[in-house]
Amino acid sequence: TVWHAALLILVLAHVLVVLGVAMLAGQL
């Protein structure tokens, strides 16, 4: 369904935010 497809994308995006911030600080 549209809702469950959205949930999969949002969970992945949320995890990538956490990892992205760690990677951004790791660049410095």
PDB file of all heavy atoms in Angstrom:
ATOM      1  N   THR A   1       0.845  -1.192   0.000  1.00  0.00           N
ATOM      2  CA  THR A   1       0.000   0.000   0.000  1.00  0.00           C
ATOM      3  C   THR A   1       0.881   1.244   0.000  1.00  0.00           C
ATOM      4  O   THR A   1       2.075   1.181   0.328  1.00  0.00           O
ATOM      5  CB  THR A   1      -0.906   0.028   1.239  1.00  0.00           C
ATOM      6  OG1 THR A   1      -0.082   0.163   2.416  1.00  0.00           O
ATOM      7  CG2 THR A   1      -1.725  -1.249   1.353  1.00  0.00           C
ATOM      8  N   VAL A   2       0.286   2.359  -0.352  1.00  0.00           N
ATOM      9  CA  VAL A   2       1.039   3.613  -0.350  1.00  0.00           C
ATOM     10  C   VAL A   2       1.592   3.896   1.041  1.00  0.00           C
ATOM     11  O   VAL A   2       2.752   4.316   1.190  1.00  0.00           O
ATOM     12  CB  VAL A   2       0.138   4.773  -0.827  1.00  0.00           C
ATOM     13  CG1 VAL A   2       0.785   6.119  -0.555  1.00  0.00           C
ATOM     14  CG2 VAL A   2      -0.165   4.631  -2.314  1.00  0.00           C
ATOM     15  N   TRP A   3       0.809   3.634   2.077  1.00  0.00           N
ATOM     16  CA  TRP A   3       1.260   3.937   3.427  1.00  0.00           C
ATOM     17  C   TRP A   3       2.438   3.056   3.835  1.00  0.00           C
ATOM     18  O   TRP A   3       3.412   3.542   4.408  1.00  0.00           O
ATOM     19  CB  TRP A   3       0.106   3.794   4.416  1.00  0.00           C
ATOM     20  CG  TRP A   3       0.511   4.116   5.814  1.00  0.00           C
ATOM     21  CD1 TRP A   3       0.690   3.259   6.846  1.00  0.00           C
ATOM     22  CD2 TRP A   3       0.843   5.416   6.320  1.00  0.00           C
ATOM     23  NE1 TRP A   3       1.090   3.917   7.972  1.00  0.00           N
ATOM     24  CE2 TRP A   3       1.189   5.253   7.677  1.00  0.00           C
ATOM     25  CE3 TRP A   3       0.863   6.698   5.773  1.00  0.00           C
ATOM     26  CZ2 TRP A   3       1.562   6.330   8.488  1.00  0.00           C
ATOM     27  CZ3 TRP A   3       1.235   7.755   6.569  1.00  0.00           C
ATOM     28  CH2 TRP A   3       1.583   7.574   7.907  1.00  0.00           C
ATOM     29  N   HIS A   4       2.358   1.757   3.552  1.00  0.00           N
ATOM     30  CA  HIS A   4       3.448   0.871   3.963  1.00  0.00           C
ATOM     31  C   HIS A   4       4.713   1.113   3.126  1.00  0.00           C
ATOM     32  O   HIS A   4       5.827   0.985   3.644  1.00  0.00           O
ATOM     33  CB  HIS A   4       3.008  -0.589   3.862  1.00  0.00           C
ATOM     34  CG  HIS A   4       1.996  -0.965   4.910  1.00  0.00           C
ATOM     35  ND1 HIS A   4       0.709  -1.329   4.594  1.00  0.00           N
ATOM     36  CD2 HIS A   4       2.086  -1.010   6.257  1.00  0.00           C
ATOM     37  CE1 HIS A   4       0.052  -1.598   5.706  1.00  0.00           C
ATOM     38  NE2 HIS A   4       0.853  -1.408   6.734  1.00  0.00           N
ATOM     39  N   ALA A   5       4.550   1.457   1.870  1.00  0.00           N
ATOM     40  CA  ALA A   5       5.722   1.830   1.070  1.00  0.00           C
ATOM     41  C   ALA A   5       6.373   3.087   1.640  1.00  0.00           C
ATOM     42  O   ALA A   5       7.605   3.182   1.728  1.00  0.00           O
ATOM     43  CB  ALA A   5       5.309   2.060  -0.381  1.00  0.00           C
ATOM     44  N   ALA A   6       5.550   4.038   2.070  1.00  0.00           N
ATOM     45  CA  ALA A   6       6.084   5.255   2.670  1.00  0.00           C
ATOM     46  C   ALA A   6       6.829   4.954   3.965  1.00  0.00           C
ATOM     47  O   ALA A   6       7.892   5.529   4.226  1.00  0.00           O
ATOM     48  CB  ALA A   6       4.949   6.244   2.935  1.00  0.00           C
ATOM     49  N   LEU A   7       6.299   4.041   4.782  1.00  0.00           N
ATOM     50  CA  LEU A   7       6.964   3.699   6.039  1.00  0.00           C
ATOM     51  C   LEU A   7       8.358   3.131   5.795  1.00  0.00           C
ATOM     52  O   LEU A   7       9.314   3.468   6.503  1.00  0.00           O
ATOM     53  CB  LEU A   7       6.122   2.700   6.832  1.00  0.00           C
ATOM     54  CG  LEU A   7       4.876   3.251   7.528  1.00  0.00           C
ATOM     55  CD1 LEU A   7       4.145   2.141   8.258  1.00  0.00           C
ATOM     56  CD2 LEU A   7       5.242   4.369   8.496  1.00  0.00           C
ATOM     57  N   LEU A   8       8.494   2.258   4.807  1.00  0.00           N
ATOM     58  CA  LEU A   8       9.816   1.692   4.500  1.00  0.00           C
ATOM     59  C   LEU A   8      10.800   2.794   4.112  1.00  0.00           C
ATOM     60  O   LEU A   8      11.955   2.811   4.573  1.00  0.00           O
ATOM     61  CB  LEU A   8       9.698   0.677   3.369  1.00  0.00           C
ATOM     62  CG  LEU A   8       9.138  -0.704   3.730  1.00  0.00           C
ATOM     63  CD1 LEU A   8       9.058  -1.577   2.483  1.00  0.00           C
ATOM     64  CD2 LEU A   8      10.010  -1.383   4.787  1.00  0.00           C
ATOM     65  N   ILE A   9      10.365   3.696   3.278  1.00  0.00           N
ATOM     66  CA  ILE A   9      11.240   4.790   2.839  1.00  0.00           C
ATOM     67  C   ILE A   9      11.599   5.694   4.008  1.00  0.00           C
ATOM     68  O   ILE A   9      12.761   6.113   4.162  1.00  0.00           O
ATOM     69  CB  ILE A   9      10.557   5.583   1.717  1.00  0.00           C
ATOM     70  CG1 ILE A   9      10.436   4.709   0.461  1.00  0.00           C
ATOM     71  CG2 ILE A   9      11.307   6.872   1.410  1.00  0.00           C
ATOM     72  CD1 ILE A   9       9.563   5.299  -0.621  1.00  0.00           C
ATOM     73  N   LEU A  10      10.645   5.984   4.861  1.00  0.00           N
ATOM     74  CA  LEU A  10      10.885   6.903   5.976  1.00  0.00           C
ATOM     75  C   LEU A  10      11.812   6.305   7.023  1.00  0.00           C
ATOM     76  O   LEU A  10      12.662   7.006   7.584  1.00  0.00           O
ATOM     77  CB  LEU A  10       9.557   7.306   6.605  1.00  0.00           C
ATOM     78  CG  LEU A  10       8.637   8.149   5.716  1.00  0.00           C
ATOM     79  CD1 LEU A  10       7.274   8.326   6.368  1.00  0.00           C
ATOM     80  CD2 LEU A  10       9.258   9.503   5.419  1.00  0.00           C
ATOM     81  N   VAL A  11      11.662   5.008   7.313  1.00  0.00           N
ATOM     82  CA  VAL A  11      12.565   4.366   8.270  1.00  0.00           C
ATOM     83  C   VAL A  11      13.994   4.387   7.730  1.00  0.00           C
ATOM     84  O   VAL A  11      14.949   4.700   8.455  1.00  0.00           O
ATOM     85  CB  VAL A  11      12.109   2.924   8.561  1.00  0.00           C
ATOM     86  CG1 VAL A  11      13.165   2.181   9.381  1.00  0.00           C
ATOM     87  CG2 VAL A  11      10.784   2.922   9.312  1.00  0.00           C
ATOM     88  N   LEU A  12      14.155   4.053   6.452  1.00  0.00           N
ATOM     89  CA  LEU A  12      15.484   4.092   5.843  1.00  0.00           C
ATOM     90  C   LEU A  12      16.059   5.501   5.875  1.00  0.00           C
ATOM     91  O   LEU A  12      17.238   5.697   6.211  1.00  0.00           O
ATOM     92  CB  LEU A  12      15.404   3.582   4.400  1.00  0.00           C
ATOM     93  CG  LEU A  12      16.713   3.605   3.602  1.00  0.00           C
ATOM     94  CD1 LEU A  12      17.764   2.728   4.264  1.00  0.00           C
ATOM     95  CD2 LEU A  12      16.471   3.153   2.162  1.00  0.00           C
ATOM     96  N   ALA A  13      15.243   6.498   5.547  1.00  0.00           N
ATOM     97  CA  ALA A  13      15.722   7.887   5.554  1.00  0.00           C
ATOM     98  C   ALA A  13      16.126   8.311   6.965  1.00  0.00           C
ATOM     99  O   ALA A  13      17.123   9.012   7.147  1.00  0.00           O
ATOM    100  CB  ALA A  13      14.635   8.812   5.007  1.00  0.00           C
ATOM    101  N   HIS A  14      15.373   7.859   7.964  1.00  0.00           N
ATOM    102  CA  HIS A  14      15.675   8.234   9.348  1.00  0.00           C
ATOM    103  C   HIS A  14      17.015   7.648   9.796  1.00  0.00           C
ATOM    104  O   HIS A  14      17.827   8.332  10.426  1.00  0.00           O
ATOM    105  CB  HIS A  14      14.548   7.734  10.253  1.00  0.00           C
ATOM    106  CG  HIS A  14      14.593   8.265  11.642  1.00  0.00           C
ATOM    107  ND1 HIS A  14      14.406   9.591  11.946  1.00  0.00           N
ATOM    108  CD2 HIS A  14      14.816   7.641  12.832  1.00  0.00           C
ATOM    109  CE1 HIS A  14      14.491   9.763  13.246  1.00  0.00           C
ATOM    110  NE2 HIS A  14      14.753   8.603  13.816  1.00  0.00           N
ATOM    111  N   VAL A  15      17.238   6.398   9.459  1.00  0.00           N
ATOM    112  CA  VAL A  15      18.523   5.770   9.803  1.00  0.00           C
ATOM    113  C   VAL A  15      19.668   6.461   9.070  1.00  0.00           C
ATOM    114  O   VAL A  15      20.745   6.684   9.635  1.00  0.00           O
ATOM    115  CB  VAL A  15      18.480   4.260   9.483  1.00  0.00           C
ATOM    116  CG1 VAL A  15      19.855   3.631   9.665  1.00  0.00           C
ATOM    117  CG2 VAL A  15      17.463   3.559  10.382  1.00  0.00           C
ATOM    118  N   LEU A  16      19.450   6.812   7.802  1.00  0.00           N
ATOM    119  CA  LEU A  16      20.497   7.489   7.038  1.00  0.00           C
ATOM    120  C   LEU A  16      20.802   8.878   7.589  1.00  0.00           C
ATOM    121  O   LEU A  16      21.929   9.368   7.442  1.00  0.00           O
ATOM    122  CB  LEU A  16      20.089   7.579   5.562  1.00  0.00           C
ATOM    123  CG  LEU A  16      20.120   6.259   4.786  1.00  0.00           C
ATOM    124  CD1 LEU A  16      19.613   6.468   3.364  1.00  0.00           C
ATOM    125  CD2 LEU A  16      21.531   5.676   4.772  1.00  0.00           C
ATOM    126  N   VAL A  17      19.833   9.524   8.227  1.00  0.00           N
ATOM    127  CA  VAL A  17      20.109  10.807   8.888  1.00  0.00           C
ATOM    128  C   VAL A  17      21.106  10.601  10.021  1.00  0.00           C
ATOM    129  O   VAL A  17      22.090  11.344  10.158  1.00  0.00           O
ATOM    130  CB  VAL A  17      18.805  11.435   9.414  1.00  0.00           C
ATOM    131  CG1 VAL A  17      19.100  12.553  10.408  1.00  0.00           C
ATOM    132  CG2 VAL A  17      17.977  11.991   8.265  1.00  0.00           C
ATOM    133  N   VAL A  18      20.871   9.572  10.848  1.00  0.00           N
ATOM    134  CA  VAL A  18      21.779   9.294  11.969  1.00  0.00           C
ATOM    135  C   VAL A  18      23.185   8.996  11.454  1.00  0.00           C
ATOM    136  O   VAL A  18      24.181   9.559  11.933  1.00  0.00           O
ATOM    137  CB  VAL A  18      21.240   8.119  12.808  1.00  0.00           C
ATOM    138  CG1 VAL A  18      22.225   7.740  13.904  1.00  0.00           C
ATOM    139  CG2 VAL A  18      19.891   8.479  13.418  1.00  0.00           C
ATOM    140  N   LEU A  19      23.276   8.111  10.476  1.00  0.00           N
ATOM    141  CA  LEU A  19      24.586   7.752   9.939  1.00  0.00           C
ATOM    142  C   LEU A  19      25.228   8.928   9.208  1.00  0.00           C
ATOM    143  O   LEU A  19      26.454   9.103   9.249  1.00  0.00           O
ATOM    144  CB  LEU A  19      24.445   6.558   8.996  1.00  0.00           C
ATOM    145  CG  LEU A  19      23.904   5.262   9.616  1.00  0.00           C
ATOM    146  CD1 LEU A  19      23.832   4.166   8.564  1.00  0.00           C
ATOM    147  CD2 LEU A  19      24.755   4.825  10.798  1.00  0.00           C
ATOM    148  N   GLY A  20      24.415   9.737   8.545  1.00  0.00           N
ATOM    149  CA  GLY A  20      24.960  10.873   7.805  1.00  0.00           C
ATOM    150  C   GLY A  20      25.578  11.908   8.723  1.00  0.00           C
ATOM    151  O   GLY A  20      26.639  12.469   8.407  1.00  0.00           O
ATOM    152  N   VAL A  21      24.940  12.184   9.861  1.00  0.00           N
ATOM    153  CA  VAL A  21      25.508  13.143  10.802  1.00  0.00           C
ATOM    154  C   VAL A  21      26.836  12.625  11.342  1.00  0.00           C
ATOM    155  O   VAL A  21      27.818  13.372  11.471  1.00  0.00           O
ATOM    156  CB  VAL A  21      24.522  13.429  11.947  1.00  0.00           C
ATOM    157  CG1 VAL A  21      25.164  14.331  12.996  1.00  0.00           C
ATOM    158  CG2 VAL A  21      23.252  14.077  11.412  1.00  0.00           C
ATOM    159  N   ALA A  22      26.873  11.329  11.666  1.00  0.00           N
ATOM    160  CA  ALA A  22      28.130  10.739  12.145  1.00  0.00           C
ATOM    161  C   ALA A  22      29.217  10.832  11.077  1.00  0.00           C
ATOM    162  O   ALA A  22      30.380  11.149  11.375  1.00  0.00           O
ATOM    163  CB  ALA A  22      27.899   9.289  12.553  1.00  0.00           C
ATOM    164  N   MET A  23      28.872  10.580   9.835  1.00  0.00           N
ATOM    165  CA  MET A  23      29.839  10.658   8.752  1.00  0.00           C
ATOM    166  C   MET A  23      30.290  12.095   8.518  1.00  0.00           C
ATOM    167  O   MET A  23      31.475  12.360   8.257  1.00  0.00           O
ATOM    168  CB  MET A  23      29.231  10.091   7.472  1.00  0.00           C
ATOM    169  CG  MET A  23      30.168  10.092   6.273  1.00  0.00           C
ATOM    170  SD  MET A  23      31.577   8.976   6.480  1.00  0.00           S
ATOM    171  CE  MET A  23      30.753   7.395   6.320  1.00  0.00           C
ATOM    172  N   LEU A  24      29.366  13.048   8.644  1.00  0.00           N
ATOM    173  CA  LEU A  24      29.717  14.457   8.440  1.00  0.00           C
ATOM    174  C   LEU A  24      30.732  14.911   9.471  1.00  0.00           C
ATOM    175  O   LEU A  24      31.743  15.550   9.132  1.00  0.00           O
ATOM    176  CB  LEU A  24      28.451  15.310   8.515  1.00  0.00           C
ATOM    177  CG  LEU A  24      28.623  16.812   8.275  1.00  0.00           C
ATOM    178  CD1 LEU A  24      29.122  17.079   6.864  1.00  0.00           C
ATOM    179  CD2 LEU A  24      27.300  17.537   8.524  1.00  0.00           C
ATOM    180  N   ALA A  25      30.477  14.593  10.734  1.00  0.00           N
ATOM    181  CA  ALA A  25      31.444  14.956  11.772  1.00  0.00           C
ATOM    182  C   ALA A  25      32.746  14.197  11.598  1.00  0.00           C
ATOM    183  O   ALA A  25      33.830  14.717  11.889  1.00  0.00           O
ATOM    184  CB  ALA A  25      30.846  14.682  13.160  1.00  0.00           C
ATOM    185  N   GLY A  26      32.659  12.957  11.108  1.00  0.00           N
ATOM    186  CA  GLY A  26      33.861  12.163  10.867  1.00  0.00           C
ATOM    187  C   GLY A  26      34.741  12.729   9.781  1.00  0.00           C
ATOM    188  O   GLY A  26      35.944  12.408   9.722  1.00  0.00           O
ATOM    189  N   GLN A  27      34.174  13.580   8.892  1.00  0.00           N
ATOM    190  CA  GLN A  27      34.988  14.232   7.871  1.00  0.00           C
ATOM    191  C   GLN A  27      35.948  15.260   8.478  1.00  0.00           C
ATOM    192  O   GLN A  27      36.946  15.621   7.859  1.00  0.00           O
ATOM    193  CB  GLN A  27      34.081  14.941   6.858  1.00  0.00           C
ATOM    194  CG  GLN A  27      33.164  14.040   6.070  1.00  0.00           C
ATOM    195  CD  GLN A  27      33.919  13.128   5.135  1.00  0.00           C
ATOM    196  OE1 GLN A  27      34.628  13.591   4.253  1.00  0.00           O
ATOM    197  NE2 GLN A  27      33.778  11.839   5.338  1.00  0.00           N
ATOM    198  N   LEU A  28      35.611  15.722   9.684  1.00  0.00           N
ATOM    199  CA  LEU A  28      36.399  16.789  10.295  1.00  0.00           C
ATOM    200  C   LEU A  28      37.324  16.288  11.394  1.00  0.00           C
ATOM    201  O   LEU A  28      38.391  16.860  11.604  1.00  0.00           O
ATOM    202  CB  LEU A  28      35.454  17.850  10.874  1.00  0.00           C
ATOM    203  CG  LEU A  28      34.449  18.468   9.882  1.00  0.00           C
ATOM    204  CD1 LEU A  28      33.568  19.470  10.596  1.00  0.00           C
ATOM    205  CD2 LEU A  28      35.170  19.122   8.723  1.00  0.00           C
TER     206      LEU A  28
END
